PDB file of N, CA and C in Angstrom:
ATOM      1  N   UNK A   1      98.365  82.484 120.608  1.00  0.00           N
ATOM      2  CA  UNK A   1      99.767  82.822 120.636  1.00  0.00           C
ATOM      3  C   UNK A   1      99.974  84.271 120.238  1.00  0.00           C
ATOM      4  N   UNK A   2     100.923  84.879 120.898  1.00  0.00           N
ATOM      5  CA  UNK A   2     101.271  86.260 120.570  1.00  0.00           C
ATOM      6  C   UNK A   2     102.146  86.277 119.315  1.00  0.00           C
ATOM      7  N   UNK A   3     101.821  87.130 118.330  1.00  0.00           N
ATOM      8  CA  UNK A   3     102.653  87.201 117.126  1.00  0.00           C
ATOM      9  C   UNK A   3     104.089  87.583 117.488  1.00  0.00           C
ATOM     10  N   UNK A   4     105.032  87.013 116.757  1.00  0.00           N
ATOM     11  CA  UNK A   4     106.434  87.312 117.022  1.00  0.00           C
ATOM     12  C   UNK A   4     106.958  88.361 116.058  1.00  0.00           C
ATOM     13  N   UNK A   5     107.929  89.109 116.518  1.00  0.00           N
ATOM     14  CA  UNK A   5     108.644  90.050 115.660  1.00  0.00           C
ATOM     15  C   UNK A   5     109.939  89.360 115.261  1.00  0.00           C
ATOM     16  N   UNK A   6     110.215  89.260 113.978  1.00  0.00           N
ATOM     17  CA  UNK A   6     111.417  88.534 113.575  1.00  0.00           C
ATOM     18  C   UNK A   6     112.690  89.250 114.022  1.00  0.00           C
ATOM     19  N   UNK A   7     113.474  88.544 114.798  1.00  0.00           N
ATOM     20  CA  UNK A   7     114.741  89.083 115.269  1.00  0.00           C
ATOM     21  C   UNK A   7     115.894  88.569 114.425  1.00  0.00           C
ATOM     22  N   UNK A   8     117.105  88.744 114.918  1.00  0.00           N
ATOM     23  CA  UNK A   8     118.285  88.313 114.173  1.00  0.00           C
ATOM     24  C   UNK A   8     118.283  86.821 113.850  1.00  0.00           C
ATOM     25  N   UNK A   9     117.700  85.997 114.733  1.00  0.00           N
ATOM     26  CA  UNK A   9     117.679  84.553 114.481  1.00  0.00           C
ATOM     27  C   UNK A   9     116.831  84.205 113.258  1.00  0.00           C
ATOM     28  N   UNK A  10     115.664  84.821 113.133  1.00  0.00           N
ATOM     29  CA  UNK A  10     114.798  84.564 111.981  1.00  0.00           C
ATOM     30  C   UNK A  10     115.439  85.132 110.715  1.00  0.00           C
ATOM     31  N   UNK A  11     115.992  86.310 110.817  1.00  0.00           N
ATOM     32  CA  UNK A  11     116.658  86.919 109.662  1.00  0.00           C
ATOM     33  C   UNK A  11     117.809  86.041 109.176  1.00  0.00           C
ATOM     34  N   UNK A  12     118.548  85.436 110.103  1.00  0.00           N
ATOM     35  CA  UNK A  12     119.658  84.551 109.726  1.00  0.00           C
ATOM     36  C   UNK A  12     119.151  83.287 109.039  1.00  0.00           C
ATOM     37  N   UNK A  13     117.987  82.793 109.458  1.00  0.00           N
ATOM     38  CA  UNK A  13     117.428  81.585 108.843  1.00  0.00           C
ATOM     39  C   UNK A  13     116.958  81.818 107.414  1.00  0.00           C
ATOM     40  N   UNK A  14     116.373  82.971 107.154  1.00  0.00           N
ATOM     41  CA  UNK A  14     115.837  83.206 105.807  1.00  0.00           C
ATOM     42  C   UNK A  14     116.846  83.859 104.873  1.00  0.00           C
ATOM     43  N   UNK A  15     117.881  84.469 105.431  1.00  0.00           N
ATOM     44  CA  UNK A  15     118.870  85.178 104.636  1.00  0.00           C
ATOM     45  C   UNK A  15     119.488  84.389 103.490  1.00  0.00           C
ATOM     46  N   UNK A  16     119.853  83.103 103.679  1.00  0.00           N
ATOM     47  CA  UNK A  16     120.434  82.356 102.570  1.00  0.00           C
ATOM     48  C   UNK A  16     119.502  82.226 101.361  1.00  0.00           C
ATOM     49  N   UNK A  17     118.207  82.333 101.582  1.00  0.00           N
ATOM     50  CA  UNK A  17     117.236  82.206 100.490  1.00  0.00           C
ATOM     51  C   UNK A  17     116.860  83.553  99.896  1.00  0.00           C
ATOM     52  N   UNK A  18     116.869  84.586 100.741  1.00  0.00           N
ATOM     53  CA  UNK A  18     116.345  85.881 100.324  1.00  0.00           C
ATOM     54  C   UNK A  18     117.406  86.922 100.021  1.00  0.00           C
ATOM     55  N   UNK A  19     118.628  86.703 100.476  1.00  0.00           N
ATOM     56  CA  UNK A  19     119.621  87.759 100.447  1.00  0.00           C
ATOM     57  C   UNK A  19     119.408  88.653 101.657  1.00  0.00           C
ATOM     58  N   UNK A  20     120.048  89.804 101.671  1.00  0.00           N
ATOM     59  CA  UNK A  20     119.952  90.708 102.814  1.00  0.00           C
ATOM     60  C   UNK A  20     118.492  91.075 103.096  1.00  0.00           C
ATOM     61  N   UNK A  21     118.108  90.980 104.357  1.00  0.00           N
ATOM     62  CA  UNK A  21     116.730  91.232 104.774  1.00  0.00           C
ATOM     63  C   UNK A  21     116.581  92.690 105.170  1.00  0.00           C
ATOM     64  N   UNK A  22     115.552  93.323 104.611  1.00  0.00           N
ATOM     65  CA  UNK A  22     115.268  94.720 104.927  1.00  0.00           C
ATOM     66  C   UNK A  22     114.007  94.846 105.763  1.00  0.00           C
ATOM     67  N   UNK A  23     113.033  95.572 105.242  1.00  0.00           N
ATOM     68  CA  UNK A  23     111.778  95.854 105.931  1.00  0.00           C
ATOM     69  C   UNK A  23     110.936  94.597 106.103  1.00  0.00           C
ATOM     70  N   UNK A  24     110.323  94.451 107.269  1.00  0.00           N
ATOM     71  CA  UNK A  24     109.435  93.324 107.564  1.00  0.00           C
ATOM     72  C   UNK A  24     108.058  93.896 107.875  1.00  0.00           C
ATOM     73  N   UNK A  25     107.050  93.495 107.085  1.00  0.00           N
ATOM     74  CA  UNK A  25     105.678  93.977 107.284  1.00  0.00           C
ATOM     75  C   UNK A  25     104.790  92.799 107.677  1.00  0.00           C
ATOM     76  N   UNK A  26     104.417  92.698 108.962  1.00  0.00           N
ATOM     77  CA  UNK A  26     103.527  91.607 109.372  1.00  0.00           C
ATOM     78  C   UNK A  26     102.202  91.672 108.619  1.00  0.00           C
ATOM     79  N   UNK A  27     101.653  90.510 108.310  1.00  0.00           N
ATOM     80  CA  UNK A  27     100.359  90.450 107.641  1.00  0.00           C
ATOM     81  C   UNK A  27      99.248  90.452 108.684  1.00  0.00           C
ATOM     82  N   UNK A  28      98.053  90.739 108.240  1.00  0.00           N
ATOM     83  CA  UNK A  28      96.915  90.837 109.159  1.00  0.00           C
ATOM     84  C   UNK A  28      96.498  89.466 109.690  1.00  0.00           C
ATOM     85  N   UNK A  29      96.547  88.454 108.849  1.00  0.00           N
ATOM     86  CA  UNK A  29      96.077  87.133 109.238  1.00  0.00           C
ATOM     87  C   UNK A  29      97.233  86.151 109.268  1.00  0.00           C
ATOM     88  N   UNK A  30      97.299  85.351 110.329  1.00  0.00           N
ATOM     89  CA  UNK A  30      98.381  84.401 110.466  1.00  0.00           C
ATOM     90  C   UNK A  30      97.960  82.957 110.405  1.00  0.00           C
ATOM     91  N   UNK A  31      96.661  82.699 110.481  1.00  0.00           N
ATOM     92  CA  UNK A  31      96.142  81.336 110.403  1.00  0.00           C
ATOM     93  C   UNK A  31      96.859  80.406 111.365  1.00  0.00           C
ATOM     94  N   UNK A  32      97.076  80.874 112.600  1.00  0.00           N
ATOM     95  CA  UNK A  32      97.653  80.040 113.635  1.00  0.00           C
ATOM     96  C   UNK A  32      99.164  80.033 113.692  1.00  0.00           C
ATOM     97  N   UNK A  33      99.830  80.746 112.817  1.00  0.00           N
ATOM     98  CA  UNK A  33     101.292  80.811 112.846  1.00  0.00           C
ATOM     99  C   UNK A  33     101.741  81.938 113.757  1.00  0.00           C
ATOM    100  N   UNK A  34     102.967  81.809 114.264  1.00  0.00           N
ATOM    101  CA  UNK A  34     103.519  82.858 115.109  1.00  0.00           C
ATOM    102  C   UNK A  34     103.947  84.071 114.299  1.00  0.00           C
ATOM    103  N   UNK A  35     104.353  83.843 113.059  1.00  0.00           N
ATOM    104  CA  UNK A  35     104.802  84.941 112.214  1.00  0.00           C
ATOM    105  C   UNK A  35     104.307  84.730 110.798  1.00  0.00           C
ATOM    106  N   UNK A  36     103.649  85.719 110.262  1.00  0.00           N
ATOM    107  CA  UNK A  36     103.393  85.807 108.824  1.00  0.00           C
ATOM    108  C   UNK A  36     103.711  87.242 108.452  1.00  0.00           C
ATOM    109  N   UNK A  37     104.568  87.396 107.448  1.00  0.00           N
ATOM    110  CA  UNK A  37     105.008  88.736 107.079  1.00  0.00           C
ATOM    111  C   UNK A  37     105.475  88.745 105.632  1.00  0.00           C
ATOM    112  N   UNK A  38     105.419  89.921 105.047  1.00  0.00           N
ATOM    113  CA  UNK A  38     106.067  90.158 103.761  1.00  0.00           C
ATOM    114  C   UNK A  38     107.389  90.825 104.101  1.00  0.00           C
ATOM    115  N   UNK A  39     108.456  90.230 103.614  1.00  0.00           N
ATOM    116  CA  UNK A  39     109.803  90.695 103.926  1.00  0.00           C
ATOM    117  C   UNK A  39     110.445  91.239 102.657  1.00  0.00           C
ATOM    118  N   UNK A  40     110.863  92.492 102.706  1.00  0.00           N
ATOM    119  CA  UNK A  40     111.594  93.085 101.587  1.00  0.00           C
ATOM    120  C   UNK A  40     113.043  92.650 101.711  1.00  0.00           C
ATOM    121  N   UNK A  41     113.555  92.049 100.640  1.00  0.00           N
ATOM    122  CA  UNK A  41     114.894  91.476 100.675  1.00  0.00           C
ATOM    123  C   UNK A  41     115.676  91.847  99.434  1.00  0.00           C
ATOM    124  N   UNK A  42     116.938  91.503  99.468  1.00  0.00           N
ATOM    125  CA  UNK A  42     117.836  91.737  98.338  1.00  0.00           C
ATOM    126  C   UNK A  42     117.295  91.112  97.056  1.00  0.00           C
ATOM    127  N   UNK A  43     116.643  89.947  97.154  1.00  0.00           N
ATOM    128  CA  UNK A  43     116.122  89.244  95.982  1.00  0.00           C
ATOM    129  C   UNK A  43     114.640  89.525  95.741  1.00  0.00           C
ATOM    130  N   UNK A  44     114.117  90.556  96.344  1.00  0.00           N
ATOM    131  CA  UNK A  44     112.723  90.928  96.154  1.00  0.00           C
ATOM    132  C   UNK A  44     111.892  90.611  97.373  1.00  0.00           C
ATOM    133  N   UNK A  45     110.583  90.862  97.297  1.00  0.00           N
ATOM    134  CA  UNK A  45     109.722  90.586  98.445  1.00  0.00           C
ATOM    135  C   UNK A  45     109.467  89.089  98.604  1.00  0.00           C
ATOM    136  N   UNK A  46     109.433  88.632  99.844  1.00  0.00           N
ATOM    137  CA  UNK A  46     109.132  87.238 100.175  1.00  0.00           C
ATOM    138  C   UNK A  46     108.025  87.200 101.211  1.00  0.00           C
ATOM    139  N   UNK A  47     107.189  86.185 101.115  1.00  0.00           N
ATOM    140  CA  UNK A  47     106.206  85.915 102.158  1.00  0.00           C
ATOM    141  C   UNK A  47     106.833  84.903 103.096  1.00  0.00           C
ATOM    142  N   UNK A  48     106.839  85.206 104.378  1.00  0.00           N
ATOM    143  CA  UNK A  48     107.442  84.331 105.374  1.00  0.00           C
ATOM    144  C   UNK A  48     106.374  83.906 106.373  1.00  0.00           C
ATOM    145  N   UNK A  49     106.322  82.618 106.632  1.00  0.00           N
ATOM    146  CA  UNK A  49     105.398  82.061 107.618  1.00  0.00           C
ATOM    147  C   UNK A  49     106.221  81.179 108.539  1.00  0.00           C
ATOM    148  N   UNK A  50     106.117  81.401 109.837  1.00  0.00           N
ATOM    149  CA  UNK A  50     106.942  80.647 110.781  1.00  0.00           C
ATOM    150  C   UNK A  50     106.183  80.389 112.072  1.00  0.00           C
ATOM    151  N   UNK A  51     106.648  79.377 112.774  1.00  0.00           N
ATOM    152  CA  UNK A  51     106.103  79.075 114.085  1.00  0.00           C
ATOM    153  C   UNK A  51     107.235  78.669 115.012  1.00  0.00           C
ATOM    154  N   UNK A  52     107.048  78.973 116.283  1.00  0.00           N
ATOM    155  CA  UNK A  52     108.049  78.599 117.271  1.00  0.00           C
ATOM    156  C   UNK A  52     108.079  77.086 117.415  1.00  0.00           C
ATOM    157  N   UNK A  53     109.244  76.563 117.655  1.00  0.00           N
ATOM    158  CA  UNK A  53     109.376  75.117 117.814  1.00  0.00           C
ATOM    159  C   UNK A  53     108.995  74.678 119.221  1.00  0.00           C
ATOM    160  N   UNK A  54     109.284  75.476 120.207  1.00  0.00           N
ATOM    161  CA  UNK A  54     109.084  75.092 121.596  1.00  0.00           C
ATOM    162  C   UNK A  54     107.621  74.749 121.886  1.00  0.00           C
ATOM    163  N   UNK A  55     107.391  73.546 122.342  1.00  0.00           N
ATOM    164  CA  UNK A  55     106.059  73.123 122.741  1.00  0.00           C
ATOM    165  C   UNK A  55     105.134  72.709 121.603  1.00  0.00           C
ATOM    166  N   UNK A  56     105.604  72.779 120.377  1.00  0.00           N
ATOM    167  CA  UNK A  56     104.759  72.409 119.241  1.00  0.00           C
ATOM    168  C   UNK A  56     104.720  70.893 119.095  1.00  0.00           C
ATOM    169  N   UNK A  57     103.582  70.371 118.705  1.00  0.00           N
ATOM    170  CA  UNK A  57     103.425  68.939 118.468  1.00  0.00           C
ATOM    171  C   UNK A  57     104.185  68.579 117.192  1.00  0.00           C
ATOM    172  N   UNK A  58     105.181  67.699 117.265  1.00  0.00           N
ATOM    173  CA  UNK A  58     105.959  67.347 116.073  1.00  0.00           C
ATOM    174  C   UNK A  58     105.101  66.838 114.916  1.00  0.00           C
ATOM    175  N   UNK A  59     104.013  66.144 115.221  1.00  0.00           N
ATOM    176  CA  UNK A  59     103.131  65.660 114.144  1.00  0.00           C
ATOM    177  C   UNK A  59     102.470  66.820 113.415  1.00  0.00           C
ATOM    178  N   UNK A  60     102.127  67.871 114.143  1.00  0.00           N
ATOM    179  CA  UNK A  60     101.519  69.040 113.510  1.00  0.00           C
ATOM    180  C   UNK A  60     102.541  69.752 112.623  1.00  0.00           C
ATOM    181  N   UNK A  61     103.782  69.839 113.095  1.00  0.00           N
ATOM    182  CA  UNK A  61     104.827  70.480 112.292  1.00  0.00           C
ATOM    183  C   UNK A  61     105.073  69.666 111.019  1.00  0.00           C
ATOM    184  N   UNK A  62     105.110  68.338 111.145  1.00  0.00           N
ATOM    185  CA  UNK A  62     105.331  67.489 109.975  1.00  0.00           C
ATOM    186  C   UNK A  62     104.169  67.589 108.985  1.00  0.00           C
ATOM    187  N   UNK A  63     102.945  67.652 109.495  1.00  0.00           N
ATOM    188  CA  UNK A  63     101.784  67.810 108.614  1.00  0.00           C
ATOM    189  C   UNK A  63     101.837  69.152 107.905  1.00  0.00           C
ATOM    190  N   UNK A  64     102.252  70.187 108.614  1.00  0.00           N
ATOM    191  CA  UNK A  64     102.407  71.518 108.029  1.00  0.00           C
ATOM    192  C   UNK A  64     103.466  71.489 106.931  1.00  0.00           C
ATOM    193  N   UNK A  65     104.571  70.788 107.188  1.00  0.00           N
ATOM    194  CA  UNK A  65     105.647  70.688 106.191  1.00  0.00           C
ATOM    195  C   UNK A  65     105.159  69.965 104.942  1.00  0.00           C
ATOM    196  N   UNK A  66     104.456  68.846 105.121  1.00  0.00           N
ATOM    197  CA  UNK A  66     103.955  68.079 103.978  1.00  0.00           C
ATOM    198  C   UNK A  66     102.947  68.897 103.169  1.00  0.00           C
ATOM    199  N   UNK A  67     102.068  69.603 103.847  1.00  0.00           N
ATOM    200  CA  UNK A  67     101.082  70.436 103.151  1.00  0.00           C
ATOM    201  C   UNK A  67     101.774  71.572 102.399  1.00  0.00           C
ATOM    202  N   UNK A  68     102.810  72.138 102.994  1.00  0.00           N
ATOM    203  CA  UNK A  68     103.554  73.201 102.335  1.00  0.00           C
ATOM    204  C   UNK A  68     104.206  72.731 101.040  1.00  0.00           C
ATOM    205  N   UNK A  69     104.745  71.512 101.053  1.00  0.00           N
ATOM    206  CA  UNK A  69     105.349  70.954  99.838  1.00  0.00           C
ATOM    207  C   UNK A  69     104.301  70.818  98.746  1.00  0.00           C
ATOM    208  N   UNK A  70     103.166  70.226  99.085  1.00  0.00           N
ATOM    209  CA  UNK A  70     102.106  70.038  98.081  1.00  0.00           C
ATOM    210  C   UNK A  70     101.624  71.366  97.517  1.00  0.00           C
ATOM    211  N   UNK A  71     101.407  72.328  98.385  1.00  0.00           N
ATOM    212  CA  UNK A  71     100.891  73.628  97.957  1.00  0.00           C
ATOM    213  C   UNK A  71     101.914  74.348  97.073  1.00  0.00           C
ATOM    214  N   UNK A  72     103.166  74.426  97.531  1.00  0.00           N
ATOM    215  CA  UNK A  72     104.175  75.160  96.768  1.00  0.00           C
ATOM    216  C   UNK A  72     104.464  74.481  95.432  1.00  0.00           C
ATOM    217  N   UNK A  73     104.468  73.155  95.409  1.00  0.00           N
ATOM    218  CA  UNK A  73     104.700  72.439  94.156  1.00  0.00           C
ATOM    219  C   UNK A  73     103.567  72.702  93.166  1.00  0.00           C
ATOM    220  N   UNK A  74     102.346  72.720  93.673  1.00  0.00           N
ATOM    221  CA  UNK A  74     101.181  73.004  92.833  1.00  0.00           C
ATOM    222  C   UNK A  74     101.306  74.392  92.200  1.00  0.00           C
ATOM    223  N   UNK A  75     101.651  75.397  93.007  1.00  0.00           N
ATOM    224  CA  UNK A  75     101.794  76.757  92.478  1.00  0.00           C
ATOM    225  C   UNK A  75     102.905  76.828  91.438  1.00  0.00           C
ATOM    226  N   UNK A  76     104.026  76.160  91.717  1.00  0.00           N
ATOM    227  CA  UNK A  76     105.159  76.185  90.788  1.00  0.00           C
ATOM    228  C   UNK A  76     104.805  75.527  89.457  1.00  0.00           C
ATOM    229  N   UNK A  77     104.022  74.455  89.502  1.00  0.00           N
ATOM    230  CA  UNK A  77     103.617  73.777  88.272  1.00  0.00           C
ATOM    231  C   UNK A  77     102.628  74.614  87.461  1.00  0.00           C
ATOM    232  N   UNK A  78     101.812  75.401  88.132  1.00  0.00           N
ATOM    233  CA  UNK A  78     100.842  76.253  87.433  1.00  0.00           C
ATOM    234  C   UNK A  78     101.501  77.437  86.748  1.00  0.00           C
ATOM    235  N   UNK A  79     102.609  77.916  87.302  1.00  0.00           N
ATOM    236  CA  UNK A  79     103.311  79.088  86.756  1.00  0.00           C
ATOM    237  C   UNK A  79     104.796  78.773  86.614  1.00  0.00           C
ATOM    238  N   UNK A  80     105.169  77.908  85.673  1.00  0.00           N
ATOM    239  CA  UNK A  80     106.574  77.493  85.576  1.00  0.00           C
ATOM    240  C   UNK A  80     107.545  78.631  85.255  1.00  0.00           C
ATOM    241  N   UNK A  81     107.080  79.723  84.695  1.00  0.00           N
ATOM    242  CA  UNK A  81     107.966  80.844  84.380  1.00  0.00           C
ATOM    243  C   UNK A  81     108.308  81.677  85.617  1.00  0.00           C
ATOM    244  N   UNK A  82     107.567  81.503  86.691  1.00  0.00           N
ATOM    245  CA  UNK A  82     107.811  82.264  87.920  1.00  0.00           C
ATOM    246  C   UNK A  82     108.881  81.542  88.745  1.00  0.00           C
ATOM    247  N   UNK A  83     110.119  81.948  88.558  1.00  0.00           N
ATOM    248  CA  UNK A  83     111.234  81.288  89.246  1.00  0.00           C
ATOM    249  C   UNK A  83     111.066  81.258  90.758  1.00  0.00           C
ATOM    250  N   UNK A  84     110.487  82.312  91.312  1.00  0.00           N
ATOM    251  CA  UNK A  84     110.356  82.374  92.760  1.00  0.00           C
ATOM    252  C   UNK A  84     109.438  81.279  93.289  1.00  0.00           C
ATOM    253  N   UNK A  85     108.451  80.860  92.488  1.00  0.00           N
ATOM    254  CA  UNK A  85     107.575  79.770  92.928  1.00  0.00           C
ATOM    255  C   UNK A  85     108.347  78.450  92.983  1.00  0.00           C
ATOM    256  N   UNK A  86     109.201  78.233  92.003  1.00  0.00           N
ATOM    257  CA  UNK A  86     110.052  77.047  92.038  1.00  0.00           C
ATOM    258  C   UNK A  86     110.984  77.065  93.231  1.00  0.00           C
ATOM    259  N   UNK A  87     111.503  78.257  93.564  1.00  0.00           N
ATOM    260  CA  UNK A  87     112.373  78.390  94.732  1.00  0.00           C
ATOM    261  C   UNK A  87     111.615  78.100  96.017  1.00  0.00           C
ATOM    262  N   UNK A  88     110.371  78.553  96.089  1.00  0.00           N
ATOM    263  CA  UNK A  88     109.553  78.269  97.276  1.00  0.00           C
ATOM    264  C   UNK A  88     109.283  76.777  97.411  1.00  0.00           C
ATOM    265  N   UNK A  89     108.991  76.118  96.283  1.00  0.00           N
ATOM    266  CA  UNK A  89     108.757  74.670  96.309  1.00  0.00           C
ATOM    267  C   UNK A  89     110.016  73.943  96.762  1.00  0.00           C
ATOM    268  N   UNK A  90     111.168  74.377  96.267  1.00  0.00           N
ATOM    269  CA  UNK A  90     112.429  73.773  96.684  1.00  0.00           C
ATOM    270  C   UNK A  90     112.693  73.958  98.167  1.00  0.00           C
ATOM    271  N   UNK A  91     112.425  75.141  98.673  1.00  0.00           N
ATOM    272  CA  UNK A  91     112.615  75.410 100.103  1.00  0.00           C
ATOM    273  C   UNK A  91     111.679  74.540 100.937  1.00  0.00           C
ATOM    274  N   UNK A  92     110.439  74.385 100.488  1.00  0.00           N
ATOM    275  CA  UNK A  92     109.482  73.540 101.212  1.00  0.00           C
ATOM    276  C   UNK A  92     109.947  72.082 101.233  1.00  0.00           C
ATOM    277  N   UNK A  93     110.465  71.603 100.086  1.00  0.00           N
ATOM    278  CA  UNK A  93     110.977  70.218 100.035  1.00  0.00           C
ATOM    279  C   UNK A  93     112.175  70.029 100.964  1.00  0.00           C
ATOM    280  N   UNK A  94     113.080  71.012 100.992  1.00  0.00           N
ATOM    281  CA  UNK A  94     114.254  70.906 101.862  1.00  0.00           C
ATOM    282  C   UNK A  94     113.853  70.908 103.332  1.00  0.00           C
ATOM    283  N   UNK A  95     112.867  71.732 103.670  1.00  0.00           N
ATOM    284  CA  UNK A  95     112.429  71.776 105.071  1.00  0.00           C
ATOM    285  C   UNK A  95     111.770  70.445 105.446  1.00  0.00           C
ATOM    286  N   UNK A  96     110.934  69.907 104.563  1.00  0.00           N
ATOM    287  CA  UNK A  96     110.292  68.619 104.847  1.00  0.00           C
ATOM    288  C   UNK A  96     111.347  67.523 104.995  1.00  0.00           C
ATOM    289  N   UNK A  97     112.366  67.536 104.111  1.00  0.00           N
ATOM    290  CA  UNK A  97     113.437  66.544 104.207  1.00  0.00           C
ATOM    291  C   UNK A  97     114.182  66.701 105.533  1.00  0.00           C
ATOM    292  N   UNK A  98     114.438  67.920 105.948  1.00  0.00           N
ATOM    293  CA  UNK A  98     115.104  68.199 107.221  1.00  0.00           C
ATOM    294  C   UNK A  98     114.299  67.607 108.365  1.00  0.00           C
ATOM    295  N   UNK A  99     112.970  67.725 108.271  1.00  0.00           N
ATOM    296  CA  UNK A  99     112.080  67.202 109.317  1.00  0.00           C
ATOM    297  C   UNK A  99     111.945  65.682 109.222  1.00  0.00           C
ATOM    298  N   UNK A 100     112.406  65.079 108.107  1.00  0.00           N
ATOM    299  CA  UNK A 100     112.284  63.638 107.939  1.00  0.00           C
ATOM    300  C   UNK A 100     110.914  63.212 107.446  1.00  0.00           C
ATOM    301  N   UNK A 101     110.190  64.141 106.835  1.00  0.00           N
ATOM    302  CA  UNK A 101     108.857  63.848 106.322  1.00  0.00           C
ATOM    303  C   UNK A 101     109.011  63.062 105.029  1.00  0.00           C
ATOM    304  N   UNK A 102     108.491  61.860 105.001  1.00  0.00           N
ATOM    305  CA  UNK A 102     108.615  60.969 103.846  1.00  0.00           C
ATOM    306  C   UNK A 102     107.445  61.187 102.908  1.00  0.00           C
ATOM    307  N   UNK A 103     107.711  61.233 101.604  1.00  0.00           N
ATOM    308  CA  UNK A 103     106.655  61.343 100.616  1.00  0.00           C
ATOM    309  C   UNK A 103     106.106  62.742 100.438  1.00  0.00           C
ATOM    310  N   UNK A 104     106.768  63.723 101.001  1.00  0.00           N
ATOM    311  CA  UNK A 104     106.275  65.107 100.876  1.00  0.00           C
ATOM    312  C   UNK A 104     106.759  65.708  99.570  1.00  0.00           C
TER     313      UNK A 104
END
């Protein structure tokens, strides 16, 4: 897949979590995602990982969502003073719930 450049649609999706979106720096490795980038935002830098929905296997997206919840929750529990890790875990849980992933 060709890496994507985040346009207004992606910026609108992440804006409620990050505040105003500024500079976007794509990362070197995407591990199969369409977009991996560090985004400079009103609330500080964020790591963003995204994939296009069109043509994606829903089971793969759900597995990705469940794995994201486990990973982000683990990081948040290891560093409870890092508020941003808790926010990432919360965002992962909300996305999994949106997808209807049970037990994530």
